C-alpha atoms as a PDB file:
ATOM      1  CA  UNK A   1     -26.540 -13.744  -9.449  1.00  0.00           C
ATOM      2  CA  UNK A   2     -27.869 -11.211  -7.330  1.00  0.00           C
ATOM      3  CA  UNK A   3     -25.842  -8.303  -6.052  1.00  0.00           C
ATOM      4  CA  UNK A   4     -25.824  -9.526  -2.484  1.00  0.00           C
ATOM      5  CA  UNK A   5     -25.508 -13.397  -3.325  1.00  0.00           C
ATOM      6  CA  UNK A   6     -21.964 -11.700  -5.783  1.00  0.00           C
ATOM      7  CA  UNK A   7     -20.509  -9.770  -2.690  1.00  0.00           C
ATOM      8  CA  UNK A   8     -21.332 -12.814   0.036  1.00  0.00           C
ATOM      9  CA  UNK A   9     -19.522 -15.055  -2.139  1.00  0.00           C
ATOM     10  CA  UNK A  10     -16.319 -12.120  -2.429  1.00  0.00           C
ATOM     11  CA  UNK A  11     -16.286 -11.947   1.048  1.00  0.00           C
ATOM     12  CA  UNK A  12     -15.740 -15.582   1.209  1.00  0.00           C
ATOM     13  CA  UNK A  13     -13.036 -15.828  -1.170  1.00  0.00           C
ATOM     14  CA  UNK A  14     -11.377 -12.935   1.102  1.00  0.00           C
ATOM     15  CA  UNK A  15     -12.125 -15.071   4.069  1.00  0.00           C
ATOM     16  CA  UNK A  16     -10.082 -17.888   2.686  1.00  0.00           C
ATOM     17  CA  UNK A  17      -7.168 -16.044   0.852  1.00  0.00           C
ATOM     18  CA  UNK A  18      -6.986 -14.028   4.260  1.00  0.00           C
ATOM     19  CA  UNK A  19      -6.823 -17.239   6.512  1.00  0.00           C
ATOM     20  CA  UNK A  20      -4.567 -19.296   3.749  1.00  0.00           C
ATOM     21  CA  UNK A  21      -1.999 -16.439   3.530  1.00  0.00           C
ATOM     22  CA  UNK A  22      -2.111 -16.019   7.418  1.00  0.00           C
ATOM     23  CA  UNK A  23      -1.254 -19.847   7.822  1.00  0.00           C
ATOM     24  CA  UNK A  24       1.389 -19.651   5.608  1.00  0.00           C
ATOM     25  CA  UNK A  25       3.171 -16.099   7.614  1.00  0.00           C
ATOM     26  CA  UNK A  26       2.502 -18.543  10.876  1.00  0.00           C
ATOM     27  CA  UNK A  27       4.059 -21.332   9.750  1.00  0.00           C
ATOM     28  CA  UNK A  28       6.962 -19.125   8.254  1.00  0.00           C
ATOM     29  CA  UNK A  29       7.127 -17.125  11.506  1.00  0.00           C
ATOM     30  CA  UNK A  30       6.873 -20.555  13.560  1.00  0.00           C
ATOM     31  CA  UNK A  31       9.970 -21.751  15.676  1.00  0.00           C
ATOM     32  CA  UNK A  32      10.448 -24.647  18.746  1.00  0.00           C
ATOM     33  CA  UNK A  33       8.903 -22.474  22.097  1.00  0.00           C
ATOM     34  CA  UNK A  34       7.162 -23.404  24.814  1.00  0.00           C
ATOM     35  CA  UNK A  35       3.858 -24.854  25.234  1.00  0.00           C
ATOM     36  CA  UNK A  36       1.623 -24.816  28.079  1.00  0.00           C
ATOM     37  CA  UNK A  37      -1.159 -27.438  28.724  1.00  0.00           C
ATOM     38  CA  UNK A  38      -4.233 -27.069  30.594  1.00  0.00           C
ATOM     39  CA  UNK A  39      -4.674 -28.978  34.168  1.00  0.00           C
ATOM     40  CA  UNK A  40      -7.155 -29.290  36.756  1.00  0.00           C
ATOM     41  CA  UNK A  41      -7.961 -26.411  39.094  1.00  0.00           C
ATOM     42  CA  UNK A  42      -6.924 -23.865  36.498  1.00  0.00           C
ATOM     43  CA  UNK A  43      -3.095 -24.968  36.300  1.00  0.00           C
ATOM     44  CA  UNK A  44      -1.449 -24.839  33.301  1.00  0.00           C
ATOM     45  CA  UNK A  45       2.210 -27.405  32.771  1.00  0.00           C
ATOM     46  CA  UNK A  46       4.792 -25.563  31.203  1.00  0.00           C
ATOM     47  CA  UNK A  47       6.416 -28.003  29.056  1.00  0.00           C
ATOM     48  CA  UNK A  48      10.203 -26.412  28.138  1.00  0.00           C
ATOM     49  CA  UNK A  49      12.079 -27.059  24.997  1.00  0.00           C
ATOM     50  CA  UNK A  50      15.124 -29.189  26.536  1.00  0.00           C
ATOM     51  CA  UNK A  51      12.145 -31.431  28.313  1.00  0.00           C
ATOM     52  CA  UNK A  52      10.756 -31.316  31.933  1.00  0.00           C
ATOM     53  CA  UNK A  53       7.834 -28.828  33.084  1.00  0.00           C
ATOM     54  CA  UNK A  54       7.081 -26.350  35.902  1.00  0.00           C
ATOM     55  CA  UNK A  55       3.192 -25.646  36.880  1.00  0.00           C
ATOM     56  CA  UNK A  56       1.881 -22.177  36.593  1.00  0.00           C
ATOM     57  CA  UNK A  57      -1.164 -20.488  37.594  1.00  0.00           C
ATOM     58  CA  UNK A  58      -1.920 -18.137  34.447  1.00  0.00           C
ATOM     59  CA  UNK A  59      -5.207 -16.608  35.497  1.00  0.00           C
ATOM     60  CA  UNK A  60      -4.190 -14.732  38.782  1.00  0.00           C
ATOM     61  CA  UNK A  61      -4.516 -10.881  39.307  1.00  0.00           C
ATOM     62  CA  UNK A  62      -0.787 -10.285  40.295  1.00  0.00           C
ATOM     63  CA  UNK A  63       0.072 -12.216  37.206  1.00  0.00           C
ATOM     64  CA  UNK A  64       1.756 -15.553  36.261  1.00  0.00           C
ATOM     65  CA  UNK A  65       3.326 -17.404  39.409  1.00  0.00           C
ATOM     66  CA  UNK A  66       6.563 -18.255  37.234  1.00  0.00           C
ATOM     67  CA  UNK A  67       9.891 -18.836  38.817  1.00  0.00           C
ATOM     68  CA  UNK A  68      12.523 -15.569  37.746  1.00  0.00           C
ATOM     69  CA  UNK A  69      14.935 -18.223  35.277  1.00  0.00           C
ATOM     70  CA  UNK A  70      12.187 -19.298  33.809  1.00  0.00           C
ATOM     71  CA  UNK A  71      10.425 -15.983  33.382  1.00  0.00           C
ATOM     72  CA  UNK A  72      13.265 -14.365  31.628  1.00  0.00           C
ATOM     73  CA  UNK A  73      13.460 -17.386  29.150  1.00  0.00           C
ATOM     74  CA  UNK A  74      10.192 -17.040  27.830  1.00  0.00           C
ATOM     75  CA  UNK A  75      10.647 -13.683  26.791  1.00  0.00           C
ATOM     76  CA  UNK A  76       9.280 -12.789  23.711  1.00  0.00           C
ATOM     77  CA  UNK A  77       9.397 -16.728  22.839  1.00  0.00           C
ATOM     78  CA  UNK A  78       6.377 -18.169  20.821  1.00  0.00           C
ATOM     79  CA  UNK A  79       3.743 -19.860  22.805  1.00  0.00           C
ATOM     80  CA  UNK A  80       1.188 -22.504  21.995  1.00  0.00           C
ATOM     81  CA  UNK A  81      -1.670 -22.335  24.607  1.00  0.00           C
ATOM     82  CA  UNK A  82      -3.173 -25.744  24.730  1.00  0.00           C
ATOM     83  CA  UNK A  83      -6.962 -25.426  26.348  1.00  0.00           C
ATOM     84  CA  UNK A  84      -8.373 -28.048  27.447  1.00  0.00           C
ATOM     85  CA  UNK A  85     -11.422 -29.934  25.490  1.00  0.00           C
ATOM     86  CA  UNK A  86     -14.130 -29.522  28.542  1.00  0.00           C
ATOM     87  CA  UNK A  87     -13.870 -25.962  27.482  1.00  0.00           C
ATOM     88  CA  UNK A  88     -14.884 -26.573  24.530  1.00  0.00           C
ATOM     89  CA  UNK A  89     -18.581 -26.846  22.720  1.00  0.00           C
ATOM     90  CA  UNK A  90     -18.964 -29.271  19.832  1.00  0.00           C
ATOM     91  CA  UNK A  91     -21.134 -28.729  17.135  1.00  0.00           C
ATOM     92  CA  UNK A  92     -21.040 -30.895  14.054  1.00  0.00           C
ATOM     93  CA  UNK A  93     -21.614 -29.411  10.368  1.00  0.00           C
ATOM     94  CA  UNK A  94     -22.381 -31.213   7.248  1.00  0.00           C
ATOM     95  CA  UNK A  95     -21.388 -29.230   3.798  1.00  0.00           C
ATOM     96  CA  UNK A  96     -21.353 -29.967   0.250  1.00  0.00           C
ATOM     97  CA  UNK A  97     -17.758 -31.368  -0.875  1.00  0.00           C
ATOM     98  CA  UNK A  98     -17.150 -28.471  -3.106  1.00  0.00           C
ATOM     99  CA  UNK A  99     -17.164 -25.794  -0.186  1.00  0.00           C
ATOM    100  CA  UNK A 100     -14.210 -27.199   1.521  1.00  0.00           C
ATOM    101  CA  UNK A 101     -11.944 -23.937  -0.283  1.00  0.00           C
ATOM    102  CA  UNK A 102     -14.497 -21.889   1.542  1.00  0.00           C
ATOM    103  CA  UNK A 103     -14.627 -23.292   5.096  1.00  0.00           C
ATOM    104  CA  UNK A 104     -12.995 -20.262   6.974  1.00  0.00           C
ATOM    105  CA  UNK A 105     -15.673 -18.410   5.403  1.00  0.00           C
ATOM    106  CA  UNK A 106     -18.738 -20.830   5.879  1.00  0.00           C
ATOM    107  CA  UNK A 107     -17.546 -21.583   9.720  1.00  0.00           C
ATOM    108  CA  UNK A 108     -16.841 -17.789  10.241  1.00  0.00           C
ATOM    109  CA  UNK A 109     -20.528 -17.155   9.204  1.00  0.00           C
ATOM    110  CA  UNK A 110     -22.332 -20.140  10.837  1.00  0.00           C
ATOM    111  CA  UNK A 111     -20.923 -19.514  14.510  1.00  0.00           C
ATOM    112  CA  UNK A 112     -23.928 -17.544  15.729  1.00  0.00           C
ATOM    113  CA  UNK A 113     -26.278 -20.684  14.389  1.00  0.00           C
ATOM    114  CA  UNK A 114     -24.197 -23.242  15.958  1.00  0.00           C
ATOM    115  CA  UNK A 115     -23.032 -21.385  19.336  1.00  0.00           C
ATOM    116  CA  UNK A 116     -24.427 -19.404  21.546  1.00  0.00           C
ATOM    117  CA  UNK A 117     -21.821 -16.453  20.636  1.00  0.00           C
ATOM    118  CA  UNK A 118     -21.072 -13.994  17.890  1.00  0.00           C
ATOM    119  CA  UNK A 119     -17.700 -15.157  15.737  1.00  0.00           C
ATOM    120  CA  UNK A 120     -15.715 -11.432  17.479  1.00  0.00           C
ATOM    121  CA  UNK A 121     -16.772 -12.955  20.609  1.00  0.00           C
ATOM    122  CA  UNK A 122     -15.700 -16.403  20.175  1.00  0.00           C
ATOM    123  CA  UNK A 123     -12.389 -18.500  19.458  1.00  0.00           C
ATOM    124  CA  UNK A 124     -12.844 -21.272  17.526  1.00  0.00           C
ATOM    125  CA  UNK A 125     -11.479 -23.970  15.110  1.00  0.00           C
ATOM    126  CA  UNK A 126     -12.498 -27.117  13.342  1.00  0.00           C
ATOM    127  CA  UNK A 127     -11.606 -30.544  12.371  1.00  0.00           C
ATOM    128  CA  UNK A 128     -10.239 -31.619   9.522  1.00  0.00           C
ATOM    129  CA  UNK A 129     -12.811 -32.746   6.802  1.00  0.00           C
ATOM    130  CA  UNK A 130     -14.300 -35.868   6.591  1.00  0.00           C
ATOM    131  CA  UNK A 131     -15.151 -37.216   2.830  1.00  0.00           C
ATOM    132  CA  UNK A 132     -18.115 -39.248   2.836  1.00  0.00           C
ATOM    133  CA  UNK A 133     -19.319 -41.838  -0.178  1.00  0.00           C
ATOM    134  CA  UNK A 134     -22.459 -39.398  -1.081  1.00  0.00           C
ATOM    135  CA  UNK A 135     -20.465 -36.323  -2.161  1.00  0.00           C
ATOM    136  CA  UNK A 136     -20.456 -34.456   1.056  1.00  0.00           C
ATOM    137  CA  UNK A 137     -17.914 -33.378   3.795  1.00  0.00           C
ATOM    138  CA  UNK A 138     -18.773 -33.515   7.564  1.00  0.00           C
ATOM    139  CA  UNK A 139     -16.192 -30.959  10.068  1.00  0.00           C
ATOM    140  CA  UNK A 140     -16.984 -30.673  13.849  1.00  0.00           C
ATOM    141  CA  UNK A 141     -16.558 -27.437  14.655  1.00  0.00           C
ATOM    142  CA  UNK A 142     -15.574 -26.327  18.472  1.00  0.00           C
ATOM    143  CA  UNK A 143     -15.689 -23.073  19.889  1.00  0.00           C
ATOM    144  CA  UNK A 144     -15.389 -21.022  23.880  1.00  0.00           C
ATOM    145  CA  UNK A 145     -16.126 -17.615  24.673  1.00  0.00           C
ATOM    146  CA  UNK A 146     -12.993 -15.241  24.220  1.00  0.00           C
ATOM    147  CA  UNK A 147     -14.253 -14.140  27.813  1.00  0.00           C
ATOM    148  CA  UNK A 148     -13.012 -17.257  29.390  1.00  0.00           C
ATOM    149  CA  UNK A 149      -9.561 -17.096  27.691  1.00  0.00           C
ATOM    150  CA  UNK A 150      -8.663 -13.243  28.568  1.00  0.00           C
ATOM    151  CA  UNK A 151      -7.206 -13.741  31.425  1.00  0.00           C
ATOM    152  CA  UNK A 152      -4.510 -16.314  30.385  1.00  0.00           C
ATOM    153  CA  UNK A 153      -3.922 -14.173  27.267  1.00  0.00           C
ATOM    154  CA  UNK A 154      -3.203 -11.638  29.667  1.00  0.00           C
ATOM    155  CA  UNK A 155      -0.858 -13.831  31.787  1.00  0.00           C
ATOM    156  CA  UNK A 156       0.868 -14.922  28.805  1.00  0.00           C
ATOM    157  CA  UNK A 157       1.540 -11.176  27.416  1.00  0.00           C
ATOM    158  CA  UNK A 158       2.329 -10.257  30.812  1.00  0.00           C
ATOM    159  CA  UNK A 159       5.307 -12.786  30.644  1.00  0.00           C
ATOM    160  CA  UNK A 160       6.188 -11.028  27.497  1.00  0.00           C
ATOM    161  CA  UNK A 161       5.414 -13.680  25.188  1.00  0.00           C
ATOM    162  CA  UNK A 162       6.471 -13.108  21.755  1.00  0.00           C
ATOM    163  CA  UNK A 163       3.482 -14.626  19.839  1.00  0.00           C
ATOM    164  CA  UNK A 164       0.928 -16.947  21.175  1.00  0.00           C
ATOM    165  CA  UNK A 165      -1.165 -19.880  19.479  1.00  0.00           C
ATOM    166  CA  UNK A 166      -4.129 -21.446  20.642  1.00  0.00           C
ATOM    167  CA  UNK A 167      -4.995 -25.013  20.432  1.00  0.00           C
ATOM    168  CA  UNK A 168      -6.813 -27.944  21.875  1.00  0.00           C
ATOM    169  CA  UNK A 169      -7.838 -31.280  21.518  1.00  0.00           C
ATOM    170  CA  UNK A 170     -10.992 -33.467  20.540  1.00  0.00           C
ATOM    171  CA  UNK A 171     -11.601 -37.050  20.015  1.00  0.00           C
ATOM    172  CA  UNK A 172      -7.756 -37.085  19.832  1.00  0.00           C
ATOM    173  CA  UNK A 173      -7.704 -34.711  16.883  1.00  0.00           C
ATOM    174  CA  UNK A 174      -5.498 -31.611  17.508  1.00  0.00           C
ATOM    175  CA  UNK A 175      -7.584 -28.659  16.655  1.00  0.00           C
ATOM    176  CA  UNK A 176      -6.046 -24.635  16.231  1.00  0.00           C
ATOM    177  CA  UNK A 177      -8.260 -22.064  17.276  1.00  0.00           C
ATOM    178  CA  UNK A 178      -8.722 -19.029  15.487  1.00  0.00           C
ATOM    179  CA  UNK A 179      -7.066 -16.854  18.363  1.00  0.00           C
ATOM    180  CA  UNK A 180      -6.717 -12.880  18.828  1.00  0.00           C
ATOM    181  CA  UNK A 181      -3.396 -12.893  16.917  1.00  0.00           C
ATOM    182  CA  UNK A 182      -4.093 -14.977  14.039  1.00  0.00           C
ATOM    183  CA  UNK A 183      -7.826 -13.311  13.567  1.00  0.00           C
ATOM    184  CA  UNK A 184      -5.734  -9.786  13.727  1.00  0.00           C
ATOM    185  CA  UNK A 185      -3.500 -11.129  11.300  1.00  0.00           C
ATOM    186  CA  UNK A 186      -6.282 -12.408   9.032  1.00  0.00           C
ATOM    187  CA  UNK A 187      -8.151  -8.966   9.115  1.00  0.00           C
ATOM    188  CA  UNK A 188      -4.831  -7.052   8.241  1.00  0.00           C
ATOM    189  CA  UNK A 189      -4.707  -9.136   5.410  1.00  0.00           C
ATOM    190  CA  UNK A 190      -8.099  -9.067   4.248  1.00  0.00           C
ATOM    191  CA  UNK A 191      -8.054  -4.808   4.575  1.00  0.00           C
ATOM    192  CA  UNK A 192      -5.235  -5.073   2.737  1.00  0.00           C
ATOM    193  CA  UNK A 193      -6.536  -7.200  -0.134  1.00  0.00           C
ATOM    194  CA  UNK A 194      -9.620  -5.349   0.062  1.00  0.00           C
ATOM    195  CA  UNK A 195      -7.622  -1.953  -0.447  1.00  0.00           C
ATOM    196  CA  UNK A 196      -5.463  -3.605  -3.238  1.00  0.00           C
ATOM    197  CA  UNK A 197      -8.688  -4.782  -5.241  1.00  0.00           C
ATOM    198  CA  UNK A 198     -10.100  -1.586  -4.836  1.00  0.00           C
ATOM    199  CA  UNK A 199      -6.986   0.095  -6.283  1.00  0.00           C
ATOM    200  CA  UNK A 200      -6.703  -2.032  -9.081  1.00  0.00           C
ATOM    201  CA  UNK A 201     -10.708  -1.293  -9.586  1.00  0.00           C
ATOM    202  CA  UNK A 202      -9.874   2.458  -9.317  1.00  0.00           C
ATOM    203  CA  UNK A 203      -7.120   2.058 -11.596  1.00  0.00           C
ATOM    204  CA  UNK A 204      -8.892  -0.108 -14.072  1.00  0.00           C
ATOM    205  CA  UNK A 205     -11.590   2.745 -14.028  1.00  0.00           C
ATOM    206  CA  UNK A 206      -9.719   5.578 -14.789  1.00  0.00           C
ATOM    207  CA  UNK A 207      -7.706   3.471 -17.686  1.00  0.00           C
ATOM    208  CA  UNK A 208     -10.767   2.664 -19.344  1.00  0.00           C
ATOM    209  CA  UNK A 209     -11.839   6.594 -19.047  1.00  0.00           C
ATOM    210  CA  UNK A 210      -8.792   7.834 -20.666  1.00  0.00           C
ATOM    211  CA  UNK A 211      -8.923   4.933 -23.210  1.00  0.00           C
ATOM    212  CA  UNK A 212     -12.275   6.159 -23.854  1.00  0.00           C
ATOM    213  CA  UNK A 213     -10.926   9.917 -24.380  1.00  0.00           C
ATOM    214  CA  UNK A 214      -8.049   9.457 -26.395  1.00  0.00           C
ATOM    215  CA  UNK A 215     -10.099   6.827 -28.737  1.00  0.00           C
ATOM    216  CA  UNK A 216     -12.622   9.769 -28.937  1.00  0.00           C
ATOM    217  CA  UNK A 217      -9.864  12.095 -30.201  1.00  0.00           C
ATOM    218  CA  UNK A 218      -8.296   9.456 -32.370  1.00  0.00           C
ATOM    219  CA  UNK A 219     -11.616   9.054 -34.167  1.00  0.00           C
ATOM    220  CA  UNK A 220     -12.095  12.821 -34.525  1.00  0.00           C
ATOM    221  CA  UNK A 221      -8.314  13.280 -35.674  1.00  0.00           C
ATOM    222  CA  UNK A 222      -9.471  10.341 -38.549  1.00  0.00           C
ATOM    223  CA  UNK A 223     -12.581  11.673 -39.377  1.00  0.00           C
ATOM    224  CA  UNK A 224     -10.403  15.391 -40.495  1.00  0.00           C
ATOM    225  CA  UNK A 225      -7.784  13.881 -42.093  1.00  0.00           C
ATOM    226  CA  UNK A 226     -10.830  11.913 -44.270  1.00  0.00           C
ATOM    227  CA  UNK A 227     -12.692  15.075 -44.803  1.00  0.00           C
ATOM    228  CA  UNK A 228      -9.084  16.762 -46.055  1.00  0.00           C
ATOM    229  CA  UNK A 229      -8.802  13.618 -48.196  1.00  0.00           C
ATOM    230  CA  UNK A 230     -12.144  13.751 -49.347  1.00  0.00           C
ATOM    231  CA  UNK A 231     -11.691  17.460 -50.649  1.00  0.00           C
ATOM    232  CA  UNK A 232      -8.523  17.022 -52.057  1.00  0.00           C
ATOM    233  CA  UNK A 233      -9.982  14.142 -54.078  1.00  0.00           C
ATOM    234  CA  UNK A 234     -12.910  16.324 -55.057  1.00  0.00           C
ATOM    235  CA  UNK A 235     -10.278  19.172 -56.208  1.00  0.00           C
ATOM    236  CA  UNK A 236      -8.425  16.918 -58.223  1.00  0.00           C
ATOM    237  CA  UNK A 237     -11.699  15.411 -59.804  1.00  0.00           C
ATOM    238  CA  UNK A 238     -12.768  18.853 -61.063  1.00  0.00           C
ATOM    239  CA  UNK A 239      -9.517  19.794 -61.969  1.00  0.00           C
ATOM    240  CA  UNK A 240      -9.422  16.690 -64.473  1.00  0.00           C
ATOM    241  CA  UNK A 241     -12.873  17.166 -65.532  1.00  0.00           C
ATOM    242  CA  UNK A 242     -12.090  20.914 -66.362  1.00  0.00           C
ATOM    243  CA  UNK A 243      -8.934  20.159 -68.471  1.00  0.00           C
ATOM    244  CA  UNK A 244     -10.860  20.720 -72.069  1.00  0.00           C
ATOM    245  CA  UNK A 245     -12.576  24.062 -70.914  1.00  0.00           C
ATOM    246  CA  UNK A 246      -8.876  25.853 -70.863  1.00  0.00           C
ATOM    247  CA  UNK A 247      -7.494  28.368 -68.303  1.00  0.00           C
ATOM    248  CA  UNK A 248      -7.423  26.139 -65.455  1.00  0.00           C
ATOM    249  CA  UNK A 249      -4.108  25.968 -62.975  1.00  0.00           C
ATOM    250  CA  UNK A 250      -4.095  22.178 -63.843  1.00  0.00           C
ATOM    251  CA  UNK A 251      -4.481  22.746 -67.457  1.00  0.00           C
ATOM    252  CA  UNK A 252      -1.509  25.042 -67.852  1.00  0.00           C
ATOM    253  CA  UNK A 253       0.755  22.790 -65.653  1.00  0.00           C
ATOM    254  CA  UNK A 254      -0.048  19.763 -68.132  1.00  0.00           C
ATOM    255  CA  UNK A 255       0.438  22.163 -71.255  1.00  0.00           C
ATOM    256  CA  UNK A 256       4.343  24.045 -69.351  1.00  0.00           C
ATOM    257  CA  UNK A 257       4.856  19.809 -69.060  1.00  0.00           C
ATOM    258  CA  UNK A 258       4.397  18.945 -72.610  1.00  0.00           C
ATOM    259  CA  UNK A 259       5.645  22.005 -73.974  1.00  0.00           C
ATOM    260  CA  UNK A 260       8.972  22.217 -72.180  1.00  0.00           C
ATOM    261  CA  UNK A 261      12.328  20.261 -73.391  1.00  0.00           C
ATOM    262  CA  UNK A 262      13.170  17.309 -71.104  1.00  0.00           C
ATOM    263  CA  UNK A 263      16.541  17.904 -69.697  1.00  0.00           C
ATOM    264  CA  UNK A 264      17.767  14.809 -70.796  1.00  0.00           C
ATOM    265  CA  UNK A 265      17.211  15.716 -74.594  1.00  0.00           C
ATOM    266  CA  UNK A 266      18.726  19.131 -74.166  1.00  0.00           C
ATOM    267  CA  UNK A 267      21.761  17.287 -72.611  1.00  0.00           C
ATOM    268  CA  UNK A 268      21.366  14.970 -75.565  1.00  0.00           C
ATOM    269  CA  UNK A 269      20.956  17.218 -78.763  1.00  0.00           C
ATOM    270  CA  UNK A 270      23.942  19.404 -76.811  1.00  0.00           C
ATOM    271  CA  UNK A 271      26.302  16.288 -76.842  1.00  0.00           C
ATOM    272  CA  UNK A 272      25.438  15.801 -80.985  1.00  0.00           C
ATOM    273  CA  UNK A 273      25.928  19.597 -81.672  1.00  0.00           C
ATOM    274  CA  UNK A 274      29.005  20.523 -79.722  1.00  0.00           C
ATOM    275  CA  UNK A 275      32.087  19.602 -81.002  1.00  0.00           C
ATOM    276  CA  UNK A 276      34.770  16.994 -79.896  1.00  0.00           C
ATOM    277  CA  UNK A 277      37.094  19.935 -78.906  1.00  0.00           C
ATOM    278  CA  UNK A 278      34.761  21.489 -76.772  1.00  0.00           C
ATOM    279  CA  UNK A 279      34.221  21.104 -72.892  1.00  0.00           C
ATOM    280  CA  UNK A 280      31.153  22.009 -71.115  1.00  0.00           C
ATOM    281  CA  UNK A 281      31.757  22.721 -67.631  1.00  0.00           C
ATOM    282  CA  UNK A 282      28.334  24.207 -66.482  1.00  0.00           C
ATOM    283  CA  UNK A 283      24.986  23.596 -67.424  1.00  0.00           C
ATOM    284  CA  UNK A 284      21.749  25.485 -66.304  1.00  0.00           C
ATOM    285  CA  UNK A 285      18.179  24.724 -67.696  1.00  0.00           C
ATOM    286  CA  UNK A 286      15.366  27.253 -66.468  1.00  0.00           C
ATOM    287  CA  UNK A 287      12.158  26.174 -68.497  1.00  0.00           C
ATOM    288  CA  UNK A 288      13.097  26.800 -71.995  1.00  0.00           C
ATOM    289  CA  UNK A 289      16.531  28.578 -70.894  1.00  0.00           C
ATOM    290  CA  UNK A 290      19.595  26.943 -71.187  1.00  0.00           C
ATOM    291  CA  UNK A 291      23.058  28.100 -70.183  1.00  0.00           C
ATOM    292  CA  UNK A 292      25.943  26.296 -70.853  1.00  0.00           C
ATOM    293  CA  UNK A 293      29.794  27.393 -70.093  1.00  0.00           C
ATOM    294  CA  UNK A 294      32.997  25.639 -71.181  1.00  0.00           C
ATOM    295  CA  UNK A 295      36.192  25.336 -72.921  1.00  0.00           C
ATOM    296  CA  UNK A 296      36.815  25.289 -76.814  1.00  0.00           C
ATOM    297  CA  UNK A 297      39.124  25.802 -79.266  1.00  0.00           C
ATOM    298  CA  UNK A 298      36.641  27.743 -81.438  1.00  0.00           C
ATOM    299  CA  UNK A 299      33.944  29.513 -79.406  1.00  0.00           C
ATOM    300  CA  UNK A 300      32.594  31.359 -82.276  1.00  0.00           C
ATOM    301  CA  UNK A 301      31.386  28.373 -83.790  1.00  0.00           C
ATOM    302  CA  UNK A 302      29.057  27.311 -81.161  1.00  0.00           C
ATOM    303  CA  UNK A 303      26.888  29.740 -81.948  1.00  0.00           C
ATOM    304  CA  UNK A 304      26.394  28.796 -85.823  1.00  0.00           C
ATOM    305  CA  UNK A 305      26.093  24.978 -84.656  1.00  0.00           C
ATOM    306  CA  UNK A 306      23.548  25.376 -82.137  1.00  0.00           C
ATOM    307  CA  UNK A 307      21.553  27.831 -84.734  1.00  0.00           C
ATOM    308  CA  UNK A 308      21.781  25.103 -87.054  1.00  0.00           C
ATOM    309  CA  UNK A 309      20.621  22.606 -85.163  1.00  0.00           C
ATOM    310  CA  UNK A 310      16.888  23.371 -85.233  1.00  0.00           C
ATOM    311  CA  UNK A 311      16.909  22.703 -81.104  1.00  0.00           C
ATOM    312  CA  UNK A 312      18.361  25.953 -80.041  1.00  0.00           C
ATOM    313  CA  UNK A 313      17.628  29.202 -81.200  1.00  0.00           C
ATOM    314  CA  UNK A 314      18.554  32.831 -79.894  1.00  0.00           C
ATOM    315  CA  UNK A 315      21.878  31.717 -79.212  1.00  0.00           C
ATOM    316  CA  UNK A 316      24.447  34.348 -78.094  1.00  0.00           C
ATOM    317  CA  UNK A 317      27.247  35.075 -75.577  1.00  0.00           C
ATOM    318  CA  UNK A 318      26.563  36.375 -72.159  1.00  0.00           C
ATOM    319  CA  UNK A 319      29.565  36.990 -71.235  1.00  0.00           C
ATOM    320  CA  UNK A 320      33.268  37.565 -73.172  1.00  0.00           C
ATOM    321  CA  UNK A 321      35.107  34.605 -73.996  1.00  0.00           C
ATOM    322  CA  UNK A 322      38.738  34.765 -72.419  1.00  0.00           C
ATOM    323  CA  UNK A 323      41.797  32.508 -73.310  1.00  0.00           C
ATOM    324  CA  UNK A 324      43.430  30.219 -71.299  1.00  0.00           C
ATOM    325  CA  UNK A 325      46.720  30.469 -69.691  1.00  0.00           C
ATOM    326  CA  UNK A 326      47.979  27.787 -71.309  1.00  0.00           C
ATOM    327  CA  UNK A 327      47.395  28.899 -74.709  1.00  0.00           C
ATOM    328  CA  UNK A 328      44.929  25.976 -75.636  1.00  0.00           C
ATOM    329  CA  UNK A 329      41.221  27.242 -75.865  1.00  0.00           C
ATOM    330  CA  UNK A 330      39.241  29.739 -74.769  1.00  0.00           C
ATOM    331  CA  UNK A 331      36.522  29.664 -71.969  1.00  0.00           C
ATOM    332  CA  UNK A 332      32.829  30.688 -72.952  1.00  0.00           C
ATOM    333  CA  UNK A 333      29.668  31.410 -71.259  1.00  0.00           C
ATOM    334  CA  UNK A 334      26.391  30.571 -73.944  1.00  0.00           C
ATOM    335  CA  UNK A 335      22.789  31.132 -73.252  1.00  0.00           C
ATOM    336  CA  UNK A 336      19.894  29.640 -76.083  1.00  0.00           C
ATOM    337  CA  UNK A 337      16.299  29.207 -76.193  1.00  0.00           C
ATOM    338  CA  UNK A 338      15.825  25.380 -76.318  1.00  0.00           C
ATOM    339  CA  UNK A 339      12.854  23.960 -78.791  1.00  0.00           C
ATOM    340  CA  UNK A 340      10.652  20.963 -79.127  1.00  0.00           C
ATOM    341  CA  UNK A 341      11.081  21.254 -82.962  1.00  0.00           C
ATOM    342  CA  UNK A 342      12.256  18.403 -85.599  1.00  0.00           C
ATOM    343  CA  UNK A 343      15.354  16.861 -85.877  1.00  0.00           C
ATOM    344  CA  UNK A 344      18.634  18.664 -85.950  1.00  0.00           C
ATOM    345  CA  UNK A 345      19.937  19.641 -89.682  1.00  0.00           C
ATOM    346  CA  UNK A 346      23.437  18.268 -90.980  1.00  0.00           C
END
């Protein structure tokens, strides 16, 4: 599909949507008003809502000749201007059946071919589509120059009409003409649709640009993280490969892990060595150094018991023992070195 073809279809779609919305708004705004039907010699018959009619001449230079009482009632009221079909130029138009949704745009584009006027210079409408057996539809397009209707519209505005609709009848079929008010509504709606779609396109483009930059930034961050992980993995693998050479930090950590006594084993050994009348209230383990504090009935015996266990060496008091106020035992504070030797001696 060429760009020109796409733009034509897009323009037809905008015309269809604008016309549909304009018709919907017109139906919402429609109220019971006054109808002026064109008669002979430029006269119009003004039909009143409650019945009856008054002859009005709209094209006079001094304004419509309408009684004051009726003129006051016409202020801000909807007016239906029904034109004589003899004003109209009727032309048939044969279209494919699938063109039905796009009739407003199609008819507008065909006015200059069917009539002597451009679409901007004519009031036009068409009959309801007449489907045929050969999968075609046929409509009758009617049009009249705006210049011939302008004095009539000026007369209605002089009367203060609120809204103006223009209709005609061809072969007993009523046709609503695309008058200036409806055309303005459709134009405004079309402009609004174009603006909304343009803004949406700009927002989509901006979102695409932002998402592209964000994706590039995330990709760069991911690459940096992957490089850092790879470098760390290489360091670990190199450390493992150098375990047998000695002198590496990894080897020192491994050796220290195996050489230092486990805290749970140290606690288990203490529970075996210390007598039942001894209570430990504080236990600190720092590398191979163990410090215990508590209450015992015979603190001096604790040094001997820990040395004989084979699990502790260099046991000594780090603070003087102090008797309890109750007289049942003494407080002690002992520090020793824990070893990974054999089982405790009996």
